[in-house]
N, C-alpha and C. Protein backbone atom coordinates (compact mmCIF):
# COMPACT_ATOMS: atom_id res chain seq x y z
N MET A 1 -17.26 -0.70 1.43
CA MET A 1 -15.98 -1.05 2.01
C MET A 1 -14.87 -0.64 1.02
N THR A 2 -13.85 -0.02 1.54
CA THR A 2 -12.72 0.40 0.73
C THR A 2 -11.72 -0.75 0.64
N SER A 3 -11.21 -0.98 -0.56
CA SER A 3 -10.23 -2.06 -0.73
C SER A 3 -8.87 -1.65 -0.18
N ILE A 4 -8.05 -2.63 0.08
CA ILE A 4 -6.68 -2.38 0.54
C ILE A 4 -5.95 -1.51 -0.48
N GLY A 5 -6.07 -1.86 -1.74
CA GLY A 5 -5.39 -1.12 -2.79
C GLY A 5 -5.82 0.34 -2.85
N ALA A 6 -7.13 0.59 -2.71
CA ALA A 6 -7.63 1.97 -2.74
C ALA A 6 -7.12 2.75 -1.55
N THR A 7 -7.06 2.11 -0.38
CA THR A 7 -6.53 2.77 0.81
C THR A 7 -5.07 3.16 0.61
N ILE A 8 -4.29 2.25 0.07
CA ILE A 8 -2.87 2.53 -0.19
C ILE A 8 -2.72 3.65 -1.20
N ALA A 9 -3.44 3.57 -2.31
CA ALA A 9 -3.35 4.60 -3.35
C ALA A 9 -3.78 5.96 -2.84
N ASP A 10 -4.88 6.01 -2.09
CA ASP A 10 -5.37 7.29 -1.55
C ASP A 10 -4.36 7.91 -0.61
N ARG A 11 -3.78 7.09 0.27
CA ARG A 11 -2.80 7.60 1.22
C ARG A 11 -1.54 8.07 0.49
N ARG A 12 -1.09 7.29 -0.51
CA ARG A 12 0.10 7.68 -1.27
C ARG A 12 -0.12 9.02 -1.95
N ARG A 13 -1.26 9.17 -2.59
CA ARG A 13 -1.57 10.44 -3.26
C ARG A 13 -1.69 11.58 -2.26
N GLY A 14 -2.29 11.30 -1.10
CA GLY A 14 -2.43 12.32 -0.06
C GLY A 14 -1.09 12.82 0.45
N LEU A 15 -0.09 11.96 0.37
CA LEU A 15 1.27 12.35 0.78
C LEU A 15 2.09 12.88 -0.40
N ASN A 16 1.44 13.02 -1.55
CA ASN A 16 2.10 13.50 -2.77
C ASN A 16 3.30 12.65 -3.16
N LEU A 17 3.14 11.34 -3.05
CA LEU A 17 4.20 10.42 -3.45
C LEU A 17 3.82 9.75 -4.77
N THR A 18 4.80 9.56 -5.61
CA THR A 18 4.59 8.75 -6.81
C THR A 18 4.75 7.29 -6.42
N GLN A 19 4.30 6.42 -7.30
CA GLN A 19 4.52 4.99 -7.06
C GLN A 19 6.02 4.70 -6.98
N GLN A 20 6.80 5.37 -7.81
CA GLN A 20 8.25 5.14 -7.80
C GLN A 20 8.86 5.59 -6.48
N THR A 21 8.45 6.74 -5.97
CA THR A 21 8.97 7.23 -4.70
C THR A 21 8.60 6.29 -3.57
N LEU A 22 7.35 5.82 -3.55
CA LEU A 22 6.93 4.86 -2.54
C LEU A 22 7.75 3.58 -2.64
N SER A 23 8.02 3.17 -3.85
CA SER A 23 8.85 2.00 -4.09
C SER A 23 10.24 2.20 -3.49
N ASP A 24 10.84 3.33 -3.79
CA ASP A 24 12.18 3.63 -3.29
C ASP A 24 12.22 3.67 -1.76
N LEU A 25 11.23 4.30 -1.16
CA LEU A 25 11.20 4.45 0.30
C LEU A 25 10.92 3.15 1.03
N SER A 26 10.13 2.28 0.40
CA SER A 26 9.73 1.04 1.06
C SER A 26 10.64 -0.14 0.73
N GLY A 27 11.42 0.00 -0.33
CA GLY A 27 12.32 -1.09 -0.72
C GLY A 27 11.64 -2.20 -1.49
N VAL A 28 10.43 -1.94 -1.99
CA VAL A 28 9.75 -2.91 -2.85
C VAL A 28 9.73 -2.36 -4.27
N SER A 29 9.57 -3.20 -5.24
CA SER A 29 9.58 -2.75 -6.63
C SER A 29 8.34 -1.93 -6.95
N ARG A 30 8.46 -1.09 -7.99
CA ARG A 30 7.32 -0.29 -8.43
C ARG A 30 6.19 -1.19 -8.89
N SER A 31 6.54 -2.31 -9.52
CA SER A 31 5.49 -3.23 -9.97
C SER A 31 4.75 -3.84 -8.77
N THR A 32 5.42 -4.00 -7.64
CA THR A 32 4.75 -4.49 -6.44
C THR A 32 3.79 -3.43 -5.90
N VAL A 33 4.22 -2.17 -5.91
CA VAL A 33 3.34 -1.08 -5.48
C VAL A 33 2.10 -1.05 -6.38
N GLN A 34 2.30 -1.17 -7.69
CA GLN A 34 1.17 -1.20 -8.61
C GLN A 34 0.25 -2.38 -8.31
N ALA A 35 0.82 -3.54 -8.09
CA ALA A 35 0.02 -4.73 -7.80
C ALA A 35 -0.79 -4.55 -6.52
N LEU A 36 -0.18 -3.94 -5.51
CA LEU A 36 -0.91 -3.66 -4.27
C LEU A 36 -2.10 -2.74 -4.52
N GLU A 37 -1.86 -1.68 -5.28
CA GLU A 37 -2.91 -0.70 -5.53
C GLU A 37 -4.03 -1.26 -6.40
N TYR A 38 -3.69 -2.11 -7.34
CA TYR A 38 -4.70 -2.65 -8.26
C TYR A 38 -5.27 -4.00 -7.81
N GLY A 39 -4.71 -4.54 -6.72
CA GLY A 39 -5.21 -5.80 -6.20
C GLY A 39 -4.92 -6.99 -7.09
N SER A 40 -3.83 -6.90 -7.81
CA SER A 40 -3.50 -8.00 -8.71
C SER A 40 -2.30 -8.79 -8.19
N GLY A 41 -2.28 -10.06 -8.49
CA GLY A 41 -1.17 -10.90 -8.09
C GLY A 41 -1.20 -11.22 -6.61
N SER A 42 -0.24 -12.01 -6.19
CA SER A 42 -0.12 -12.33 -4.77
C SER A 42 1.05 -11.53 -4.20
N ILE A 43 0.80 -10.88 -3.11
CA ILE A 43 1.78 -9.98 -2.50
C ILE A 43 2.24 -10.57 -1.18
N ARG A 44 3.54 -10.53 -0.95
CA ARG A 44 4.08 -11.02 0.32
C ARG A 44 3.73 -10.05 1.44
N LEU A 45 3.49 -10.60 2.61
CA LEU A 45 3.16 -9.79 3.78
C LEU A 45 4.27 -8.78 4.08
N GLU A 46 5.50 -9.16 3.86
CA GLU A 46 6.63 -8.25 4.11
C GLU A 46 6.54 -7.01 3.23
N ALA A 47 6.12 -7.18 1.99
CA ALA A 47 5.98 -6.04 1.08
C ALA A 47 4.85 -5.13 1.53
N LEU A 48 3.73 -5.73 1.90
CA LEU A 48 2.59 -4.94 2.37
C LEU A 48 2.96 -4.18 3.64
N THR A 49 3.67 -4.82 4.54
CA THR A 49 4.09 -4.18 5.78
C THR A 49 5.03 -3.02 5.51
N ALA A 50 5.98 -3.19 4.60
CA ALA A 50 6.94 -2.14 4.27
C ALA A 50 6.23 -0.92 3.69
N VAL A 51 5.29 -1.15 2.80
CA VAL A 51 4.54 -0.05 2.18
C VAL A 51 3.68 0.65 3.24
N ALA A 52 2.99 -0.12 4.06
CA ALA A 52 2.15 0.46 5.10
C ALA A 52 2.97 1.33 6.06
N GLU A 53 4.15 0.87 6.40
CA GLU A 53 5.01 1.62 7.31
C GLU A 53 5.40 2.97 6.73
N VAL A 54 5.79 3.00 5.47
CA VAL A 54 6.16 4.26 4.81
C VAL A 54 4.96 5.21 4.78
N LEU A 55 3.78 4.66 4.55
CA LEU A 55 2.58 5.49 4.46
C LEU A 55 2.00 5.87 5.82
N GLY A 56 2.57 5.33 6.88
CA GLY A 56 2.08 5.64 8.22
C GLY A 56 0.75 4.97 8.52
N LEU A 57 0.51 3.83 7.89
CA LEU A 57 -0.72 3.08 8.11
C LEU A 57 -0.44 1.86 8.98
N HIS A 58 -1.32 1.60 9.91
CA HIS A 58 -1.22 0.38 10.71
C HIS A 58 -1.75 -0.75 9.84
N ILE A 59 -1.09 -1.87 9.84
CA ILE A 59 -1.48 -3.00 8.99
C ILE A 59 -2.93 -3.40 9.24
N GLY A 60 -3.43 -3.24 10.46
CA GLY A 60 -4.82 -3.57 10.78
C GLY A 60 -5.82 -2.70 10.04
N VAL A 61 -5.43 -1.47 9.70
CA VAL A 61 -6.31 -0.57 8.95
C VAL A 61 -6.55 -1.10 7.55
N LEU A 62 -5.62 -1.87 7.04
CA LEU A 62 -5.71 -2.36 5.67
C LEU A 62 -6.54 -3.63 5.54
N ARG A 63 -6.88 -4.25 6.65
CA ARG A 63 -7.64 -5.51 6.59
C ARG A 63 -9.08 -5.24 6.19
N PRO A 64 -9.56 -5.93 5.15
CA PRO A 64 -10.94 -5.73 4.72
C PRO A 64 -11.92 -6.09 5.83
N GLY A 65 -13.01 -5.34 5.88
CA GLY A 65 -14.07 -5.64 6.82
C GLY A 65 -13.89 -5.01 8.19
N GLN A 66 -12.80 -4.30 8.39
CA GLN A 66 -12.55 -3.67 9.67
C GLN A 66 -13.20 -2.30 9.70
N ALA A 67 -13.76 -1.95 10.82
CA ALA A 67 -14.36 -0.62 10.99
C ALA A 67 -13.24 0.41 11.01
N ARG A 68 -13.53 1.56 10.46
CA ARG A 68 -12.53 2.63 10.43
C ARG A 68 -12.91 3.73 11.36
């Protein structure tokens, strides 16, 4: 199973975005993007949704245990 953070990082890299660029486009801090990718800390749903939207990911794709 792929983690939420790995999915976000893979998609970001696939779009050739830096963490800073993703931060700028989503309106969340770079440290929040890092925390999402590394699975550290507690992240607000609003931040996760904003990042997923920029990356073109449906929030349901990020839920662990879901078939892809």
